[in-house]
C-alpha atoms as a PDB file:
ATOM      1  CA  MET A   1      12.293   2.692  38.044  1.00  0.00           C
ATOM      2  CA  SER A   2      14.815  -0.142  38.023  1.00  0.00           C
ATOM      3  CA  PHE A   3      18.488  -0.589  38.654  1.00  0.00           C
ATOM      4  CA  SER A   4      20.091  -3.060  36.282  1.00  0.00           C
ATOM      5  CA  GLY A   5      23.548  -2.843  37.881  1.00  0.00           C
ATOM      6  CA  ALA A   6      22.603  -5.226  40.683  1.00  0.00           C
ATOM      7  CA  SER A   7      21.084  -7.640  38.198  1.00  0.00           C
ATOM      8  CA  LEU A   8      24.225  -7.594  36.064  1.00  0.00           C
ATOM      9  CA  HIS A   9      26.408  -8.217  39.127  1.00  0.00           C
ATOM     10  CA  THR A  10      24.261 -11.189  40.175  1.00  0.00           C
ATOM     11  CA  GLU A  11      24.353 -12.650  36.660  1.00  0.00           C
ATOM     12  CA  LEU A  12      28.139 -12.340  36.494  1.00  0.00           C
ATOM     13  CA  LEU A  13      28.538 -14.216  39.773  1.00  0.00           C
ATOM     14  CA  ARG A  14      26.044 -16.876  38.730  1.00  0.00           C
ATOM     15  CA  ASP A  15      27.816 -17.434  35.389  1.00  0.00           C
ATOM     16  CA  LEU A  16      31.233 -17.712  37.032  1.00  0.00           C
ATOM     17  CA  SER A  17      32.401 -21.324  36.951  1.00  0.00           C
ATOM     18  CA  PRO A  18      34.335 -22.726  39.936  1.00  0.00           C
ATOM     19  CA  ALA A  19      37.460 -22.965  37.751  1.00  0.00           C
ATOM     20  CA  VAL A  20      37.283 -19.294  36.732  1.00  0.00           C
ATOM     21  CA  LEU A  21      36.534 -18.250  40.306  1.00  0.00           C
ATOM     22  CA  GLU A  22      39.511 -20.267  41.516  1.00  0.00           C
ATOM     23  CA  ARG A  23      41.818 -18.592  38.978  1.00  0.00           C
ATOM     24  CA  LEU A  24      40.629 -15.146  40.048  1.00  0.00           C
ATOM     25  CA  LEU A  25      41.176 -16.051  43.685  1.00  0.00           C
ATOM     26  CA  TRP A  26      44.731 -17.273  42.964  1.00  0.00           C
ATOM     27  CA  VAL A  27      45.420 -13.870  41.406  1.00  0.00           C
ATOM     28  CA  LEU A  28      44.090 -12.291  44.605  1.00  0.00           C
ATOM     29  CA  VAL A  29      46.378 -14.617  46.605  1.00  0.00           C
ATOM     30  CA  ALA A  30      49.403 -13.403  44.644  1.00  0.00           C
ATOM     31  CA  LEU A  31      48.434  -9.745  45.027  1.00  0.00           C
ATOM     32  CA  SER A  32      47.656 -10.040  48.714  1.00  0.00           C
ATOM     33  CA  LEU A  33      50.856 -12.018  49.361  1.00  0.00           C
ATOM     34  CA  VAL A  34      52.982  -9.314  47.741  1.00  0.00           C
ATOM     35  CA  GLY A  35      50.951  -6.588  49.450  1.00  0.00           C
ATOM     36  CA  ASP A  36      51.342  -8.208  52.855  1.00  0.00           C
ATOM     37  CA  ILE A  37      55.096  -8.603  52.473  1.00  0.00           C
ATOM     38  CA  VAL A  38      55.609  -5.071  51.175  1.00  0.00           C
ATOM     39  CA  THR A  39      53.404  -3.393  53.790  1.00  0.00           C
ATOM     40  CA  THR A  40      54.913  -5.497  56.582  1.00  0.00           C
ATOM     41  CA  PHE A  41      58.442  -4.438  55.729  1.00  0.00           C
ATOM     42  CA  VAL A  42      57.430  -0.805  55.192  1.00  0.00           C
ATOM     43  CA  GLY A  43      55.793  -0.861  58.619  1.00  0.00           C
ATOM     44  CA  LEU A  44      58.848  -2.440  60.213  1.00  0.00           C
ATOM     45  CA  HIS A  45      61.037   0.200  58.568  1.00  0.00           C
ATOM     46  CA  LEU A  46      58.813   2.887  60.130  1.00  0.00           C
ATOM     47  CA  GLY A  47      59.259   1.364  63.578  1.00  0.00           C
ATOM     48  CA  LEU A  48      56.081  -0.695  63.803  1.00  0.00           C
ATOM     49  CA  ALA A  49      56.228  -4.229  65.200  1.00  0.00           C
ATOM     50  CA  GLU A  50      55.034  -7.503  63.712  1.00  0.00           C
ATOM     51  CA  SER A  51      52.160  -8.783  65.859  1.00  0.00           C
ATOM     52  CA  ASN A  52      52.248 -12.408  64.641  1.00  0.00           C
ATOM     53  CA  PRO A  53      54.835 -14.188  66.823  1.00  0.00           C
ATOM     54  CA  VAL A  54      55.638 -16.815  64.172  1.00  0.00           C
ATOM     55  CA  ALA A  55      56.168 -14.202  61.469  1.00  0.00           C
ATOM     56  CA  ARG A  56      58.098 -11.989  63.896  1.00  0.00           C
ATOM     57  CA  SER A  57      60.455 -14.869  64.709  1.00  0.00           C
ATOM     58  CA  ALA A  58      60.941 -15.704  61.026  1.00  0.00           C
ATOM     59  CA  ILE A  59      61.623 -12.076  60.129  1.00  0.00           C
ATOM     60  CA  GLU A  60      63.995 -11.528  63.053  1.00  0.00           C
ATOM     61  CA  GLY A  61      65.883 -14.712  62.262  1.00  0.00           C
ATOM     62  CA  TYR A  62      65.918 -14.719  58.479  1.00  0.00           C
ATOM     63  CA  GLY A  63      64.528 -11.385  57.258  1.00  0.00           C
ATOM     64  CA  LEU A  64      62.740 -11.371  53.925  1.00  0.00           C
ATOM     65  CA  ALA A  65      63.733 -14.996  53.261  1.00  0.00           C
ATOM     66  CA  GLY A  66      61.949 -16.048  56.451  1.00  0.00           C
ATOM     67  CA  MET A  67      58.777 -14.210  55.468  1.00  0.00           C
ATOM     68  CA  LEU A  68      58.892 -15.686  51.954  1.00  0.00           C
ATOM     69  CA  ALA A  69      59.405 -19.167  53.422  1.00  0.00           C
ATOM     70  CA  LEU A  70      56.336 -18.780  55.653  1.00  0.00           C
ATOM     71  CA  LYS A  71      54.204 -17.622  52.743  1.00  0.00           C
ATOM     72  CA  GLY A  72      55.608 -20.381  50.532  1.00  0.00           C
ATOM     73  CA  ILE A  73      54.755 -23.037  53.116  1.00  0.00           C
ATOM     74  CA  ALA A  74      51.188 -21.738  53.371  1.00  0.00           C
ATOM     75  CA  VAL A  75      50.754 -21.787  49.592  1.00  0.00           C
ATOM     76  CA  ALA A  76      52.343 -25.250  49.364  1.00  0.00           C
ATOM     77  CA  ILE A  77      49.940 -26.649  51.967  1.00  0.00           C
ATOM     78  CA  GLY A  78      47.039 -25.156  50.040  1.00  0.00           C
ATOM     79  CA  LEU A  79      48.265 -26.668  46.779  1.00  0.00           C
ATOM     80  CA  ILE A  80      48.793 -30.076  48.414  1.00  0.00           C
ATOM     81  CA  CYS A  81      45.302 -30.060  49.946  1.00  0.00           C
ATOM     82  CA  ARG A  82      43.550 -28.674  46.851  1.00  0.00           C
ATOM     83  CA  PRO A  83      43.260 -31.990  44.945  1.00  0.00           C
ATOM     84  CA  MET A  84      41.528 -33.559  47.959  1.00  0.00           C
ATOM     85  CA  LEU A  85      38.486 -31.354  47.342  1.00  0.00           C
ATOM     86  CA  PRO A  86      35.819 -31.814  44.704  1.00  0.00           C
ATOM     87  CA  PRO A  87      36.344 -29.305  41.850  1.00  0.00           C
ATOM     88  CA  ALA A  88      33.345 -27.208  42.901  1.00  0.00           C
ATOM     89  CA  TYR A  89      34.921 -26.590  46.325  1.00  0.00           C
ATOM     90  CA  ARG A  90      38.512 -25.929  45.254  1.00  0.00           C
ATOM     91  CA  PRO A  91      38.114 -22.124  45.236  1.00  0.00           C
ATOM     92  CA  ILE A  92      37.993 -22.321  49.047  1.00  0.00           C
ATOM     93  CA  VAL A  93      41.759 -22.954  49.067  1.00  0.00           C
ATOM     94  CA  PRO A  94      42.836 -19.646  47.505  1.00  0.00           C
ATOM     95  CA  ALA A  95      40.015 -17.857  49.329  1.00  0.00           C
ATOM     96  CA  GLY A  96      41.379 -19.183  52.621  1.00  0.00           C
ATOM     97  CA  LEU A  97      44.807 -17.789  51.773  1.00  0.00           C
ATOM     98  CA  ALA A  98      43.688 -14.500  50.232  1.00  0.00           C
ATOM     99  CA  LEU A  99      41.213 -13.481  52.926  1.00  0.00           C
ATOM    100  CA  PRO A 100      43.619 -13.185  55.879  1.00  0.00           C
ATOM    101  CA  TRP A 101      46.413 -11.755  53.739  1.00  0.00           C
ATOM    102  CA  THR A 102      44.081  -9.125  52.284  1.00  0.00           C
ATOM    103  CA  ALA A 103      42.925  -8.270  55.804  1.00  0.00           C
ATOM    104  CA  ALA A 104      46.577  -8.023  56.872  1.00  0.00           C
ATOM    105  CA  VAL A 105      47.284  -5.616  54.010  1.00  0.00           C
ATOM    106  CA  CYS A 106      44.361  -3.416  55.082  1.00  0.00           C
ATOM    107  CA  ILE A 107      45.522  -3.441  58.706  1.00  0.00           C
ATOM    108  CA  ASN A 108      49.121  -2.750  57.675  1.00  0.00           C
ATOM    109  CA  VAL A 109      48.092   0.169  55.463  1.00  0.00           C
ATOM    110  CA  TYR A 110      46.057   1.611  58.324  1.00  0.00           C
ATOM    111  CA  MET A 111      48.943   1.214  60.774  1.00  0.00           C
ATOM    112  CA  ILE A 112      51.398   2.763  58.315  1.00  0.00           C
ATOM    113  CA  SER A 113      49.056   5.689  57.737  1.00  0.00           C
ATOM    114  CA  THR A 114      48.892   6.360  61.477  1.00  0.00           C
ATOM    115  CA  ALA A 115      52.690   6.100  61.829  1.00  0.00           C
ATOM    116  CA  ILE A 116      53.444   8.626  59.096  1.00  0.00           C
END
């Protein structure tokens, strides 16, 4: 008995070029950025508090514009640093942005679900 699903998954990852992987990760960055902003503001509307002191200060001082500015700065730094890496390592830039923002979305969704 064999399971070809695992083999197919491994082949897809092996055939994925760094450029294609990077594009997919930038899509994940965009989705996680939007998800983080939306879930943060939904949570704040429900009475939850922002735990990141920098983000909390930006939101308290400038609202949505402050949050967008923080995210924009992070993306800009990533885009500025990206050309410094060899092409094979460039996917680390969007991965480094998407990973914490995706984790934040998961945490925010959990916190919202407990507040409802």
